[in-house]
Amino acid sequence: MNIVWEQNSNNPQNSNNLDAVAQWWSKLAEQEITWQQRLIPEHEDITAIDWKTENNFDEKLVLSQPQLRGITVYWSKNQQQQQRNITARKLELDTEHQKLYIYPQSQPQVIIRVGLAEIVYHTIDMDNPLIVAGTVGKNYLLLLQDKQQKLEVKVSLSAENLLKLLDSLKQK
């Protein structure tokens, strides 16, 4: 669900939506967030924006003193005293993905996306690696080696996790 506040909107829920965004924003205090800034495409379809590829305007920071006063978004970053702000023409809160989209008044061609920092997993593909298994103390050791890529992955599993792995392999 998206909660949208827009300047000069006739929506009777507009002020309630602004309050909901303000509450969400204030709850980000002292949390690590991602701050991403992109240009809005000419056709204004923001679903076409690539948020996954990092650019120079992306950063992770700890948000301090997040407040919404009027239609201006305030914050400090990483415990710094200097307060920053953006006056918005539109705010859109994606409650499902916990992302706030800020459309600045001063830069109508720009959109900013703010959300809780996410864990990014990197995938390594190995085709038929050499497998070595053994025990180290109470844990089981699984070693995967790919000589072509000169890559080695060492996995230490508790007895419980080894059973989970074996069960999941049996089910497939």
C-alpha atoms as a PDB file:
ATOM      1  CA  MET A   1       0.000   0.000   0.000  1.00  0.00           C
ATOM      2  CA  ASN A   2       1.222   3.488  -0.822  1.00  0.00           C
ATOM      3  CA  ILE A   3       0.462   6.524   1.294  1.00  0.00           C
ATOM      4  CA  VAL A   4       0.772   9.677  -0.817  1.00  0.00           C
ATOM      5  CA  TRP A   5       0.906  13.299   0.249  1.00  0.00           C
ATOM      6  CA  GLU A   6       1.045  15.845  -2.547  1.00  0.00           C
ATOM      7  CA  GLN A   7       1.254  19.611  -2.393  1.00  0.00           C
ATOM      8  CA  ASN A   8      -2.007  21.353  -3.439  1.00  0.00           C
ATOM      9  CA  SER A   9      -3.878  18.037  -3.566  1.00  0.00           C
ATOM     10  CA  ASN A  10      -7.670  17.968  -3.189  1.00  0.00           C
ATOM     11  CA  ASN A  11      -7.499  14.520  -1.572  1.00  0.00           C
ATOM     12  CA  PRO A  12      -9.406  14.749   1.748  1.00  0.00           C
ATOM     13  CA  GLN A  13      -6.850  12.307   3.266  1.00  0.00           C
ATOM     14  CA  ASN A  14      -3.869  14.471   2.264  1.00  0.00           C
ATOM     15  CA  SER A  15      -3.163  15.858   5.769  1.00  0.00           C
ATOM     16  CA  ASN A  16      -3.670  12.405   7.361  1.00  0.00           C
ATOM     17  CA  ASN A  17      -1.231  10.961   4.828  1.00  0.00           C
ATOM     18  CA  LEU A  18       1.319  13.637   5.725  1.00  0.00           C
ATOM     19  CA  ASP A  19       0.931  12.703   9.402  1.00  0.00           C
ATOM     20  CA  ALA A  20       1.449   9.014   8.593  1.00  0.00           C
ATOM     21  CA  VAL A  21       4.626   9.817   6.634  1.00  0.00           C
ATOM     22  CA  ALA A  22       5.851  12.033   9.506  1.00  0.00           C
ATOM     23  CA  GLN A  23       5.369   9.208  12.012  1.00  0.00           C
ATOM     24  CA  TRP A  24       7.197   6.705   9.794  1.00  0.00           C
ATOM     25  CA  TRP A  25      10.054   9.159   9.172  1.00  0.00           C
ATOM     26  CA  SER A  26      10.549   9.901  12.879  1.00  0.00           C
ATOM     27  CA  LYS A  27      10.821   6.160  13.645  1.00  0.00           C
ATOM     28  CA  LEU A  28      13.999   5.971  11.543  1.00  0.00           C
ATOM     29  CA  ALA A  29      15.976   7.765  14.271  1.00  0.00           C
ATOM     30  CA  GLU A  30      19.378   6.167  14.906  1.00  0.00           C
ATOM     31  CA  GLN A  31      18.829   3.483  12.271  1.00  0.00           C
ATOM     32  CA  GLU A  32      21.007   2.741   9.272  1.00  0.00           C
ATOM     33  CA  ILE A  33      19.231   3.690   6.068  1.00  0.00           C
ATOM     34  CA  THR A  34      19.956   3.768   2.361  1.00  0.00           C
ATOM     35  CA  TRP A  35      19.669   7.126   0.629  1.00  0.00           C
ATOM     36  CA  GLN A  36      19.349   6.914  -3.156  1.00  0.00           C
ATOM     37  CA  GLN A  37      18.856   9.724  -5.626  1.00  0.00           C
ATOM     38  CA  ARG A  38      17.832   9.326  -9.275  1.00  0.00           C
ATOM     39  CA  LEU A  39      16.643  11.397 -12.186  1.00  0.00           C
ATOM     40  CA  ILE A  40      12.988  10.897 -13.078  1.00  0.00           C
ATOM     41  CA  PRO A  41      12.684   9.499 -16.619  1.00  0.00           C
ATOM     42  CA  GLU A  42      11.207  11.810 -19.258  1.00  0.00           C
ATOM     43  CA  HIS A  43       8.071   9.634 -19.468  1.00  0.00           C
ATOM     44  CA  GLU A  44       7.817  10.045 -15.634  1.00  0.00           C
ATOM     45  CA  ASP A  45       7.409   6.296 -15.062  1.00  0.00           C
ATOM     46  CA  ILE A  46       9.337   5.813 -11.821  1.00  0.00           C
ATOM     47  CA  THR A  47       8.868   2.038 -12.017  1.00  0.00           C
ATOM     48  CA  ALA A  48      11.464   2.132 -14.822  1.00  0.00           C
ATOM     49  CA  ILE A  49      14.140   3.518 -12.474  1.00  0.00           C
ATOM     50  CA  ASP A  50      17.058   1.187 -11.709  1.00  0.00           C
ATOM     51  CA  TRP A  51      17.459   1.329  -7.932  1.00  0.00           C
ATOM     52  CA  LYS A  52      19.729  -1.741  -7.761  1.00  0.00           C
ATOM     53  CA  THR A  53      22.754  -0.326  -9.556  1.00  0.00           C
ATOM     54  CA  GLU A  54      24.672   1.912  -7.197  1.00  0.00           C
ATOM     55  CA  ASN A  55      25.675   5.390  -8.269  1.00  0.00           C
ATOM     56  CA  ASN A  56      27.512   8.384  -6.802  1.00  0.00           C
ATOM     57  CA  PHE A  57      24.354   9.654  -5.095  1.00  0.00           C
ATOM     58  CA  ASP A  58      23.766   6.466  -3.096  1.00  0.00           C
ATOM     59  CA  GLU A  59      24.899   6.174   0.475  1.00  0.00           C
ATOM     60  CA  LYS A  60      24.254   4.334   3.694  1.00  0.00           C
ATOM     61  CA  LEU A  61      24.044   6.451   6.792  1.00  0.00           C
ATOM     62  CA  VAL A  62      22.682   6.508  10.295  1.00  0.00           C
ATOM     63  CA  LEU A  63      19.764   8.910  10.400  1.00  0.00           C
ATOM     64  CA  SER A  64      19.659  11.303  13.350  1.00  0.00           C
ATOM     65  CA  GLN A  65      16.834  13.609  14.373  1.00  0.00           C
ATOM     66  CA  PRO A  66      14.446  12.783  11.514  1.00  0.00           C
ATOM     67  CA  GLN A  67      11.481  15.151  11.586  1.00  0.00           C
ATOM     68  CA  LEU A  68       8.823  16.400   9.246  1.00  0.00           C
ATOM     69  CA  ARG A  69       7.907  20.020   9.950  1.00  0.00           C
ATOM     70  CA  GLY A  70       5.275  21.321   7.621  1.00  0.00           C
ATOM     71  CA  ILE A  71       6.247  19.928   4.229  1.00  0.00           C
ATOM     72  CA  THR A  72       9.965  19.974   4.930  1.00  0.00           C
ATOM     73  CA  VAL A  73      11.882  16.784   5.699  1.00  0.00           C
ATOM     74  CA  TYR A  74      14.671  17.321   8.271  1.00  0.00           C
ATOM     75  CA  TRP A  75      17.490  15.021   9.367  1.00  0.00           C
ATOM     76  CA  SER A  76      21.115  14.839  10.403  1.00  0.00           C
ATOM     77  CA  LYS A  77      23.424  12.086   9.354  1.00  0.00           C
ATOM     78  CA  ASN A  78      25.856   9.973  11.333  1.00  0.00           C
ATOM     79  CA  GLN A  79      25.423  11.954  14.573  1.00  0.00           C
ATOM     80  CA  GLN A  80      26.543  15.227  12.957  1.00  0.00           C
ATOM     81  CA  GLN A  81      25.140  18.464  14.363  1.00  0.00           C
ATOM     82  CA  GLN A  82      24.440  19.978  10.950  1.00  0.00           C
ATOM     83  CA  GLN A  83      20.760  19.538  10.164  1.00  0.00           C
ATOM     84  CA  ARG A  84      19.805  19.021   6.533  1.00  0.00           C
ATOM     85  CA  ASN A  85      16.426  19.467   4.895  1.00  0.00           C
ATOM     86  CA  ILE A  86      14.421  19.068   1.722  1.00  0.00           C
ATOM     87  CA  THR A  87      11.110  20.766   1.052  1.00  0.00           C
ATOM     88  CA  ALA A  88       8.889  18.260  -0.691  1.00  0.00           C
ATOM     89  CA  ARG A  89       6.284  18.694  -3.400  1.00  0.00           C
ATOM     90  CA  LYS A  90       5.281  15.051  -2.999  1.00  0.00           C
ATOM     91  CA  LEU A  91       5.954  12.267  -0.505  1.00  0.00           C
ATOM     92  CA  GLU A  92       5.094   8.656  -1.227  1.00  0.00           C
ATOM     93  CA  LEU A  93       5.469   5.975   1.436  1.00  0.00           C
ATOM     94  CA  ASP A  94       5.528   2.369   0.252  1.00  0.00           C
ATOM     95  CA  THR A  95       4.408   0.633   3.436  1.00  0.00           C
ATOM     96  CA  GLU A  96       4.978  -2.874   2.074  1.00  0.00           C
ATOM     97  CA  HIS A  97       8.666  -2.314   1.267  1.00  0.00           C
ATOM     98  CA  GLN A  98       9.246   0.403   3.891  1.00  0.00           C
ATOM     99  CA  LYS A  99      10.556   2.967   1.388  1.00  0.00           C
ATOM    100  CA  LEU A 100       9.864   6.686   1.284  1.00  0.00           C
ATOM    101  CA  TYR A 101      10.022   8.476  -2.058  1.00  0.00           C
ATOM    102  CA  ILE A 102      10.736  12.186  -1.758  1.00  0.00           C
ATOM    103  CA  TYR A 103      10.065  14.527  -4.686  1.00  0.00           C
ATOM    104  CA  PRO A 104      11.956  17.776  -3.906  1.00  0.00           C
ATOM    105  CA  GLN A 105      10.370  21.131  -4.798  1.00  0.00           C
ATOM    106  CA  SER A 106      13.736  22.577  -5.769  1.00  0.00           C
ATOM    107  CA  GLN A 107      14.567  19.755  -8.210  1.00  0.00           C
ATOM    108  CA  PRO A 108      11.426  18.547 -10.012  1.00  0.00           C
ATOM    109  CA  GLN A 109      13.445  16.106 -12.153  1.00  0.00           C
ATOM    110  CA  VAL A 110      14.846  14.278  -9.086  1.00  0.00           C
ATOM    111  CA  ILE A 111      13.425  11.537  -6.857  1.00  0.00           C
ATOM    112  CA  ILE A 112      15.000  10.361  -3.606  1.00  0.00           C
ATOM    113  CA  ARG A 113      14.329   6.936  -2.103  1.00  0.00           C
ATOM    114  CA  VAL A 114      14.986   6.345   1.584  1.00  0.00           C
ATOM    115  CA  GLY A 115      14.617   3.000   3.328  1.00  0.00           C
ATOM    116  CA  LEU A 116      16.085   0.757   5.957  1.00  0.00           C
ATOM    117  CA  ALA A 117      19.450  -0.603   4.911  1.00  0.00           C
ATOM    118  CA  GLU A 118      19.147  -3.989   3.258  1.00  0.00           C
ATOM    119  CA  ILE A 119      21.439  -6.957   3.278  1.00  0.00           C
ATOM    120  CA  VAL A 120      22.746  -7.648  -0.201  1.00  0.00           C
ATOM    121  CA  TYR A 121      23.823 -11.216  -0.916  1.00  0.00           C
ATOM    122  CA  HIS A 122      26.365 -11.961  -3.623  1.00  0.00           C
ATOM    123  CA  THR A 123      25.922 -15.217  -5.515  1.00  0.00           C
ATOM    124  CA  ILE A 124      28.830 -17.354  -6.612  1.00  0.00           C
ATOM    125  CA  ASP A 125      28.142 -19.929  -9.310  1.00  0.00           C
ATOM    126  CA  MET A 126      30.152 -23.155  -9.255  1.00  0.00           C
ATOM    127  CA  ASP A 127      29.572 -25.996 -11.694  1.00  0.00           C
ATOM    128  CA  ASN A 128      30.438 -29.405 -10.233  1.00  0.00           C
ATOM    129  CA  PRO A 129      33.006 -28.206  -7.694  1.00  0.00           C
ATOM    130  CA  LEU A 130      35.348 -30.541  -5.882  1.00  0.00           C
ATOM    131  CA  ILE A 131      33.648 -31.446  -2.592  1.00  0.00           C
ATOM    132  CA  VAL A 132      35.567 -32.295   0.574  1.00  0.00           C
ATOM    133  CA  ALA A 133      33.723 -33.078   3.813  1.00  0.00           C
ATOM    134  CA  GLY A 134      34.903 -33.766   7.330  1.00  0.00           C
ATOM    135  CA  THR A 135      34.526 -32.815  10.959  1.00  0.00           C
ATOM    136  CA  VAL A 136      36.168 -30.150  13.047  1.00  0.00           C
ATOM    137  CA  GLY A 137      35.325 -30.534  16.707  1.00  0.00           C
ATOM    138  CA  LYS A 138      31.534 -30.791  17.016  1.00  0.00           C
ATOM    139  CA  ASN A 139      30.913 -29.198  13.600  1.00  0.00           C
ATOM    140  CA  TYR A 140      30.863 -30.623  10.125  1.00  0.00           C
ATOM    141  CA  LEU A 141      33.041 -29.032   7.474  1.00  0.00           C
ATOM    142  CA  LEU A 142      32.047 -28.788   3.836  1.00  0.00           C
ATOM    143  CA  LEU A 143      34.639 -27.484   1.408  1.00  0.00           C
ATOM    144  CA  LEU A 144      33.747 -26.599  -2.200  1.00  0.00           C
ATOM    145  CA  GLN A 145      36.550 -25.856  -4.654  1.00  0.00           C
ATOM    146  CA  ASP A 146      36.351 -24.588  -8.219  1.00  0.00           C
ATOM    147  CA  LYS A 147      39.830 -24.844  -9.745  1.00  0.00           C
ATOM    148  CA  GLN A 148      38.934 -22.903 -12.906  1.00  0.00           C
ATOM    149  CA  GLN A 149      37.766 -19.878 -10.919  1.00  0.00           C
ATOM    150  CA  LYS A 150      40.387 -20.448  -8.198  1.00  0.00           C
ATOM    151  CA  LEU A 151      37.587 -20.226  -5.703  1.00  0.00           C
ATOM    152  CA  GLU A 152      37.066 -22.036  -2.422  1.00  0.00           C
ATOM    153  CA  VAL A 153      34.049 -21.914  -0.120  1.00  0.00           C
ATOM    154  CA  LYS A 154      34.386 -23.311   3.391  1.00  0.00           C
ATOM    155  CA  VAL A 155      31.152 -24.018   5.289  1.00  0.00           C
ATOM    156  CA  SER A 156      31.018 -25.060   8.938  1.00  0.00           C
ATOM    157  CA  LEU A 157      27.714 -26.667   9.947  1.00  0.00           C
ATOM    158  CA  SER A 158      26.323 -27.657  13.322  1.00  0.00           C
ATOM    159  CA  ALA A 159      24.755 -31.124  13.555  1.00  0.00           C
ATOM    160  CA  GLU A 160      21.304 -29.500  13.388  1.00  0.00           C
ATOM    161  CA  ASN A 161      22.131 -27.521  10.241  1.00  0.00           C
ATOM    162  CA  LEU A 162      23.719 -30.562   8.608  1.00  0.00           C
ATOM    163  CA  LEU A 163      20.455 -32.471   9.142  1.00  0.00           C
ATOM    164  CA  LYS A 164      18.491 -29.567   7.632  1.00  0.00           C
ATOM    165  CA  LEU A 165      20.778 -29.590   4.603  1.00  0.00           C
ATOM    166  CA  LEU A 166      20.432 -33.350   4.149  1.00  0.00           C
ATOM    167  CA  ASP A 167      16.639 -33.143   4.537  1.00  0.00           C
ATOM    168  CA  SER A 168      16.358 -30.361   1.970  1.00  0.00           C
ATOM    169  CA  LEU A 169      18.508 -32.337  -0.496  1.00  0.00           C
ATOM    170  CA  LYS A 170      16.302 -35.413  -0.019  1.00  0.00           C
ATOM    171  CA  GLN A 171      13.156 -33.399  -0.764  1.00  0.00           C
ATOM    172  CA  LYS A 172      14.435 -32.185  -4.112  1.00  0.00           C
END
